C-alpha atoms as a PDB file:
ATOM      1  CA  MET A   1     125.222  87.829 113.370  1.00  0.00           C
ATOM      2  CA  TYR A   2     126.183  88.150 109.739  1.00  0.00           C
ATOM      3  CA  ALA A   3     124.141  87.977 106.570  1.00  0.00           C
ATOM      4  CA  ILE A   4     126.019  88.087 103.284  1.00  0.00           C
ATOM      5  CA  SER A   5     124.016  89.268 100.295  1.00  0.00           C
ATOM      6  CA  LEU A   6     124.379  86.960  97.303  1.00  0.00           C
ATOM      7  CA  GLY A   7     123.045  89.514  94.836  1.00  0.00           C
ATOM      8  CA  GLY A   8     120.057  91.739  94.251  1.00  0.00           C
ATOM      9  CA  ASP A   9     117.438  88.976  94.325  1.00  0.00           C
ATOM     10  CA  GLY A  10     116.946  88.768  98.088  1.00  0.00           C
ATOM     11  CA  ALA A  11     119.338  85.828  98.546  1.00  0.00           C
ATOM     12  CA  GLU A  12     121.485  85.741 101.684  1.00  0.00           C
ATOM     13  CA  LEU A  13     124.054  83.430 103.218  1.00  0.00           C
ATOM     14  CA  ARG A  14     123.790  83.263 107.018  1.00  0.00           C
ATOM     15  CA  PRO A  15     124.888  80.966 109.843  1.00  0.00           C
ATOM     16  CA  LEU A  16     122.488  78.066 110.345  1.00  0.00           C
ATOM     17  CA  GLU A  17     122.527  77.357 114.066  1.00  0.00           C
ATOM     18  CA  PRO A  18     120.618  75.299 116.638  1.00  0.00           C
ATOM     19  CA  TRP A  19     118.261  78.166 117.457  1.00  0.00           C
ATOM     20  CA  HIS A  20     116.953  77.916 113.852  1.00  0.00           C
ATOM     21  CA  ALA A  21     115.598  74.405 114.539  1.00  0.00           C
ATOM     22  CA  GLU A  22     111.911  75.200 113.918  1.00  0.00           C
ATOM     23  CA  GLU A  23     112.641  77.104 110.717  1.00  0.00           C
ATOM     24  CA  PHE A  24     115.049  74.377 109.601  1.00  0.00           C
ATOM     25  CA  LEU A  25     112.458  71.649 110.227  1.00  0.00           C
ATOM     26  CA  ALA A  26     109.835  73.576 108.222  1.00  0.00           C
ATOM     27  CA  HIS A  27     112.356  73.860 105.379  1.00  0.00           C
ATOM     28  CA  LEU A  28     113.097  70.125 105.524  1.00  0.00           C
ATOM     29  CA  GLU A  29     109.395  69.319 105.452  1.00  0.00           C
ATOM     30  CA  ARG A  30     108.918  71.443 102.313  1.00  0.00           C
ATOM     31  CA  GLY A  31     111.866  69.838 100.540  1.00  0.00           C
ATOM     32  CA  ARG A  32     112.319  66.417 102.146  1.00  0.00           C
ATOM     33  CA  GLU A  33     111.650  64.298  99.069  1.00  0.00           C
ATOM     34  CA  PHE A  34     113.664  66.554  96.744  1.00  0.00           C
ATOM     35  CA  ILE A  35     116.614  66.949  99.121  1.00  0.00           C
ATOM     36  CA  GLY A  36     116.733  63.217  99.844  1.00  0.00           C
ATOM     37  CA  ARG A  37     117.043  62.052  96.239  1.00  0.00           C
ATOM     38  CA  PHE A  38     120.843  61.717  96.451  1.00  0.00           C
ATOM     39  CA  ILE A  39     121.829  62.536 100.045  1.00  0.00           C
ATOM     40  CA  ALA A  40     120.651  61.506 103.482  1.00  0.00           C
ATOM     41  CA  PHE A  41     121.042  65.016 104.899  1.00  0.00           C
ATOM     42  CA  GLY A  42     117.914  65.911 106.874  1.00  0.00           C
ATOM     43  CA  THR A  43     116.003  62.735 106.033  1.00  0.00           C
ATOM     44  CA  GLN A  44     115.831  61.480 109.639  1.00  0.00           C
ATOM     45  CA  GLU A  45     114.902  64.781 111.279  1.00  0.00           C
ATOM     46  CA  ARG A  46     111.126  64.686 111.828  1.00  0.00           C
ATOM     47  CA  ASP A  47     110.667  66.930 114.870  1.00  0.00           C
ATOM     48  CA  VAL A  48     112.186  70.068 116.369  1.00  0.00           C
ATOM     49  CA  ASP A  49     114.418  68.157 118.788  1.00  0.00           C
ATOM     50  CA  SER A  50     116.006  66.025 116.051  1.00  0.00           C
ATOM     51  CA  ALA A  51     116.386  69.081 113.800  1.00  0.00           C
ATOM     52  CA  ARG A  52     118.090  70.936 116.642  1.00  0.00           C
ATOM     53  CA  ALA A  53     120.373  67.948 117.283  1.00  0.00           C
ATOM     54  CA  LEU A  54     121.521  67.941 113.637  1.00  0.00           C
ATOM     55  CA  LEU A  55     122.209  71.672 113.779  1.00  0.00           C
ATOM     56  CA  GLN A  56     124.048  71.187 117.072  1.00  0.00           C
ATOM     57  CA  ARG A  57     126.323  68.538 115.515  1.00  0.00           C
ATOM     58  CA  TYR A  58     127.388  71.097 112.922  1.00  0.00           C
ATOM     59  CA  ALA A  59     127.739  73.822 115.568  1.00  0.00           C
ATOM     60  CA  ASP A  60     130.081  71.460 117.424  1.00  0.00           C
ATOM     61  CA  GLN A  61     132.049  70.916 114.206  1.00  0.00           C
ATOM     62  CA  ARG A  62     132.343  74.679 113.749  1.00  0.00           C
ATOM     63  CA  ALA A  63     133.634  74.976 117.327  1.00  0.00           C
ATOM     64  CA  ALA A  64     136.143  72.180 116.655  1.00  0.00           C
ATOM     65  CA  ASP A  65     137.145  73.815 113.325  1.00  0.00           C
ATOM     66  CA  THR A  66     136.259  70.659 111.374  1.00  0.00           C
ATOM     67  CA  GLY A  67     133.124  71.811 109.526  1.00  0.00           C
ATOM     68  CA  ALA A  68     130.465  74.505 109.269  1.00  0.00           C
ATOM     69  CA  LEU A  69     126.857  74.873 108.192  1.00  0.00           C
ATOM     70  CA  HIS A  70     125.443  77.951 106.445  1.00  0.00           C
ATOM     71  CA  GLY A  71     121.844  78.584 105.439  1.00  0.00           C
ATOM     72  CA  LEU A  72     120.570  80.066 102.206  1.00  0.00           C
ATOM     73  CA  TRP A  73     117.650  82.433 102.694  1.00  0.00           C
ATOM     74  CA  LEU A  74     115.634  83.769  99.783  1.00  0.00           C
ATOM     75  CA  ASN A  75     113.468  86.790 100.618  1.00  0.00           C
ATOM     76  CA  GLY A  76     113.576  85.807 104.282  1.00  0.00           C
ATOM     77  CA  THR A  77     112.762  82.094 103.826  1.00  0.00           C
ATOM     78  CA  LEU A  78     115.301  79.342 104.450  1.00  0.00           C
ATOM     79  CA  VAL A  79     115.512  77.365 101.165  1.00  0.00           C
ATOM     80  CA  GLY A  80     118.751  75.406 101.551  1.00  0.00           C
ATOM     81  CA  GLY A  81     122.328  75.631 102.582  1.00  0.00           C
ATOM     82  CA  VAL A  82     125.987  75.028 101.947  1.00  0.00           C
ATOM     83  CA  LEU A  83     128.502  73.447 104.250  1.00  0.00           C
ATOM     84  CA  PHE A  84     132.099  72.588 104.887  1.00  0.00           C
ATOM     85  CA  LEU A  85     132.687  68.956 105.707  1.00  0.00           C
ATOM     86  CA  ASN A  86     136.001  67.304 106.449  1.00  0.00           C
ATOM     87  CA  PHE A  87     137.570  70.734 107.019  1.00  0.00           C
ATOM     88  CA  ASP A  88     141.232  70.342 107.996  1.00  0.00           C
ATOM     89  CA  ALA A  89     143.161  73.608 108.101  1.00  0.00           C
ATOM     90  CA  ALA A  90     146.372  71.858 109.189  1.00  0.00           C
ATOM     91  CA  LYS A  91     146.355  69.695 106.048  1.00  0.00           C
ATOM     92  CA  GLY A  92     144.958  72.510 103.914  1.00  0.00           C
ATOM     93  CA  THR A  93     142.016  70.450 102.683  1.00  0.00           C
ATOM     94  CA  GLY A  94     138.252  70.540 102.892  1.00  0.00           C
ATOM     95  CA  GLU A  95     135.063  69.521 101.185  1.00  0.00           C
ATOM     96  CA  VAL A  96     132.061  71.685 100.369  1.00  0.00           C
ATOM     97  CA  GLY A  97     128.517  70.523  99.775  1.00  0.00           C
ATOM     98  CA  CYS A  98     124.964  71.761  99.491  1.00  0.00           C
ATOM     99  CA  TRP A  99     121.254  70.996  99.649  1.00  0.00           C
ATOM    100  CA  LEU A 100     118.187  72.878  98.406  1.00  0.00           C
ATOM    101  CA  GLU A 101     114.436  72.620  98.489  1.00  0.00           C
ATOM    102  CA  PRO A 102     112.709  73.106  95.105  1.00  0.00           C
ATOM    103  CA  ALA A 103     111.937  76.803  95.768  1.00  0.00           C
ATOM    104  CA  GLY A 104     115.681  77.513  95.844  1.00  0.00           C
ATOM    105  CA  THR A 105     116.655  75.799  92.604  1.00  0.00           C
ATOM    106  CA  GLY A 106     117.476  77.367  89.255  1.00  0.00           C
ATOM    107  CA  ARG A 107     118.741  80.643  90.728  1.00  0.00           C
ATOM    108  CA  GLY A 108     122.466  79.989  91.100  1.00  0.00           C
ATOM    109  CA  LEU A 109     122.216  80.254  94.890  1.00  0.00           C
ATOM    110  CA  VAL A 110     124.570  77.382  95.594  1.00  0.00           C
ATOM    111  CA  THR A 111     127.195  78.565  93.126  1.00  0.00           C
ATOM    112  CA  ARG A 112     127.137  82.082  94.576  1.00  0.00           C
ATOM    113  CA  ALA A 113     127.277  80.807  98.161  1.00  0.00           C
ATOM    114  CA  VAL A 114     130.086  78.336  97.537  1.00  0.00           C
ATOM    115  CA  ARG A 115     132.131  81.139  95.960  1.00  0.00           C
ATOM    116  CA  VAL A 116     131.941  82.886  99.335  1.00  0.00           C
ATOM    117  CA  LEU A 117     133.057  79.677 101.085  1.00  0.00           C
ATOM    118  CA  LEU A 118     135.947  79.176  98.656  1.00  0.00           C
ATOM    119  CA  ASP A 119     137.152  82.757  99.088  1.00  0.00           C
ATOM    120  CA  PHE A 120     137.111  82.206 102.855  1.00  0.00           C
ATOM    121  CA  ALA A 121     138.792  78.790 102.678  1.00  0.00           C
ATOM    122  CA  PHE A 122     141.606  79.867 100.385  1.00  0.00           C
ATOM    123  CA  ASP A 123     142.147  83.497 101.393  1.00  0.00           C
ATOM    124  CA  ARG A 124     141.436  83.488 105.126  1.00  0.00           C
ATOM    125  CA  ARG A 125     142.105  79.904 106.225  1.00  0.00           C
ATOM    126  CA  GLY A 126     144.944  78.993 103.891  1.00  0.00           C
ATOM    127  CA  LEU A 127     143.432  75.834 102.443  1.00  0.00           C
ATOM    128  CA  HIS A 128     145.122  74.458  99.335  1.00  0.00           C
ATOM    129  CA  ARG A 129     142.506  72.010  98.033  1.00  0.00           C
ATOM    130  CA  VAL A 130     138.722  71.904  98.283  1.00  0.00           C
ATOM    131  CA  GLU A 131     136.644  68.980  97.027  1.00  0.00           C
ATOM    132  CA  TRP A 132     133.080  68.594  95.812  1.00  0.00           C
ATOM    133  CA  VAL A 133     131.675  65.040  95.896  1.00  0.00           C
ATOM    134  CA  ALA A 134     128.334  64.219  94.279  1.00  0.00           C
ATOM    135  CA  ALA A 135     126.400  61.230  93.031  1.00  0.00           C
ATOM    136  CA  ALA A 136     126.974  60.806  89.308  1.00  0.00           C
ATOM    137  CA  GLY A 137     123.230  61.107  88.700  1.00  0.00           C
ATOM    138  CA  ASN A 138     122.974  64.431  90.527  1.00  0.00           C
ATOM    139  CA  GLU A 139     123.454  66.585  87.449  1.00  0.00           C
ATOM    140  CA  ALA A 140     122.497  69.841  89.195  1.00  0.00           C
ATOM    141  CA  SER A 141     125.266  69.320  91.755  1.00  0.00           C
ATOM    142  CA  LEU A 142     127.812  68.412  89.085  1.00  0.00           C
ATOM    143  CA  LYS A 143     126.930  71.598  87.180  1.00  0.00           C
ATOM    144  CA  VAL A 144     127.842  73.619  90.262  1.00  0.00           C
ATOM    145  CA  ALA A 145     131.291  71.999  90.336  1.00  0.00           C
ATOM    146  CA  ARG A 146     131.761  72.889  86.663  1.00  0.00           C
ATOM    147  CA  ARG A 147     130.583  76.488  87.149  1.00  0.00           C
ATOM    148  CA  LEU A 148     133.063  76.865  90.002  1.00  0.00           C
ATOM    149  CA  GLY A 149     135.896  75.806  87.695  1.00  0.00           C
ATOM    150  CA  MET A 150     136.590  72.547  89.482  1.00  0.00           C
ATOM    151  CA  THR A 151     138.359  69.632  87.845  1.00  0.00           C
ATOM    152  CA  ARG A 152     136.825  66.170  87.810  1.00  0.00           C
ATOM    153  CA  ASP A 153     139.389  64.014  89.590  1.00  0.00           C
ATOM    154  CA  GLY A 154     137.615  60.733  89.097  1.00  0.00           C
ATOM    155  CA  VAL A 155     134.696  58.454  89.827  1.00  0.00           C
ATOM    156  CA  LEU A 156     134.342  56.169  92.811  1.00  0.00           C
ATOM    157  CA  ARG A 157     132.300  53.408  91.216  1.00  0.00           C
ATOM    158  CA  GLU A 158     129.265  52.244  93.198  1.00  0.00           C
ATOM    159  CA  ALA A 159     130.782  53.733  96.353  1.00  0.00           C
ATOM    160  CA  HIS A 160     127.591  55.193  97.831  1.00  0.00           C
ATOM    161  CA  PRO A 161     124.810  52.785  98.835  1.00  0.00           C
ATOM    162  CA  TYR A 162     121.719  54.943  99.171  1.00  0.00           C
ATOM    163  CA  GLY A 163     118.038  54.574  98.416  1.00  0.00           C
ATOM    164  CA  GLY A 164     118.295  50.893  97.568  1.00  0.00           C
ATOM    165  CA  GLU A 165     121.032  51.273  94.952  1.00  0.00           C
ATOM    166  CA  ARG A 166     124.755  51.880  94.729  1.00  0.00           C
ATOM    167  CA  HIS A 167     125.588  55.279  93.272  1.00  0.00           C
ATOM    168  CA  ASP A 168     128.835  56.241  91.583  1.00  0.00           C
ATOM    169  CA  LEU A 169     130.403  59.274  93.262  1.00  0.00           C
ATOM    170  CA  GLU A 170     132.194  61.916  91.234  1.00  0.00           C
ATOM    171  CA  VAL A 171     135.049  63.709  92.975  1.00  0.00           C
ATOM    172  CA  TRP A 172     135.794  67.239  91.806  1.00  0.00           C
ATOM    173  CA  SER A 173     138.333  69.674  93.239  1.00  0.00           C
ATOM    174  CA  ILE A 174     139.890  73.068  92.913  1.00  0.00           C
ATOM    175  CA  LEU A 175     143.271  74.210  94.191  1.00  0.00           C
ATOM    176  CA  ALA A 176     144.007  77.612  95.707  1.00  0.00           C
ATOM    177  CA  PRO A 177     146.090  78.889  92.746  1.00  0.00           C
ATOM    178  CA  GLU A 178     143.383  77.778  90.298  1.00  0.00           C
ATOM    179  CA  TRP A 179     140.690  79.565  92.311  1.00  0.00           C
ATOM    180  CA  ARG A 180     142.695  82.780  92.522  1.00  0.00           C
ATOM    181  CA  GLU A 181     143.456  82.695  88.799  1.00  0.00           C
ATOM    182  CA  ALA A 182     139.803  82.075  87.873  1.00  0.00           C
ATOM    183  CA  ARG A 183     138.674  84.857  90.222  1.00  0.00           C
ATOM    184  CA  ALA A 184     141.200  87.300  88.731  1.00  0.00           C
ATOM    185  CA  ARG A 185     139.999  86.460  85.178  1.00  0.00           C
ATOM    186  CA  ALA A 186     136.376  87.009  86.216  1.00  0.00           C
ATOM    187  CA  GLN A 187     137.207  90.429  87.671  1.00  0.00           C
ATOM    188  CA  GLN A 188     138.829  91.692  84.453  1.00  0.00           C
END
């Protein structure tokens, strides 16, 4: 299958599929507490079968053209991933998201990987708008949205009950013409 280099530091973006279940579970075990601070992704998967089932749900979304899951490998070790959720090519909209274990943080992996997803969404699939939604307290995630040149559309106050509290959700987005313009400026 494919592996897209994200730079000279050994970082790669690859498909994350059901056959990766054991590796995915090991990754979740290393990062469970860190990953689960703001999102429920991977918090219920405690064995290979449940890890495989989660990966299969995303494989089914890829087959239905409604979502996709991609892993982030650093020097051969799965350390996180990026994904399309709510992907709707007919409407021209989608949402991107991410998760990382601590070993993958502070390297710009998510920003680099989401750039690949945005290029694909806008250039190959014809999307017009892509969103990024994050808990207001998840500063690392909000920094990614800023680095990608997204605009903060607003805050959904106390919209996300998680971990015994209600989190505000920030909604950020970028439109196809904005992405192309920012990319052209960066290439000059």
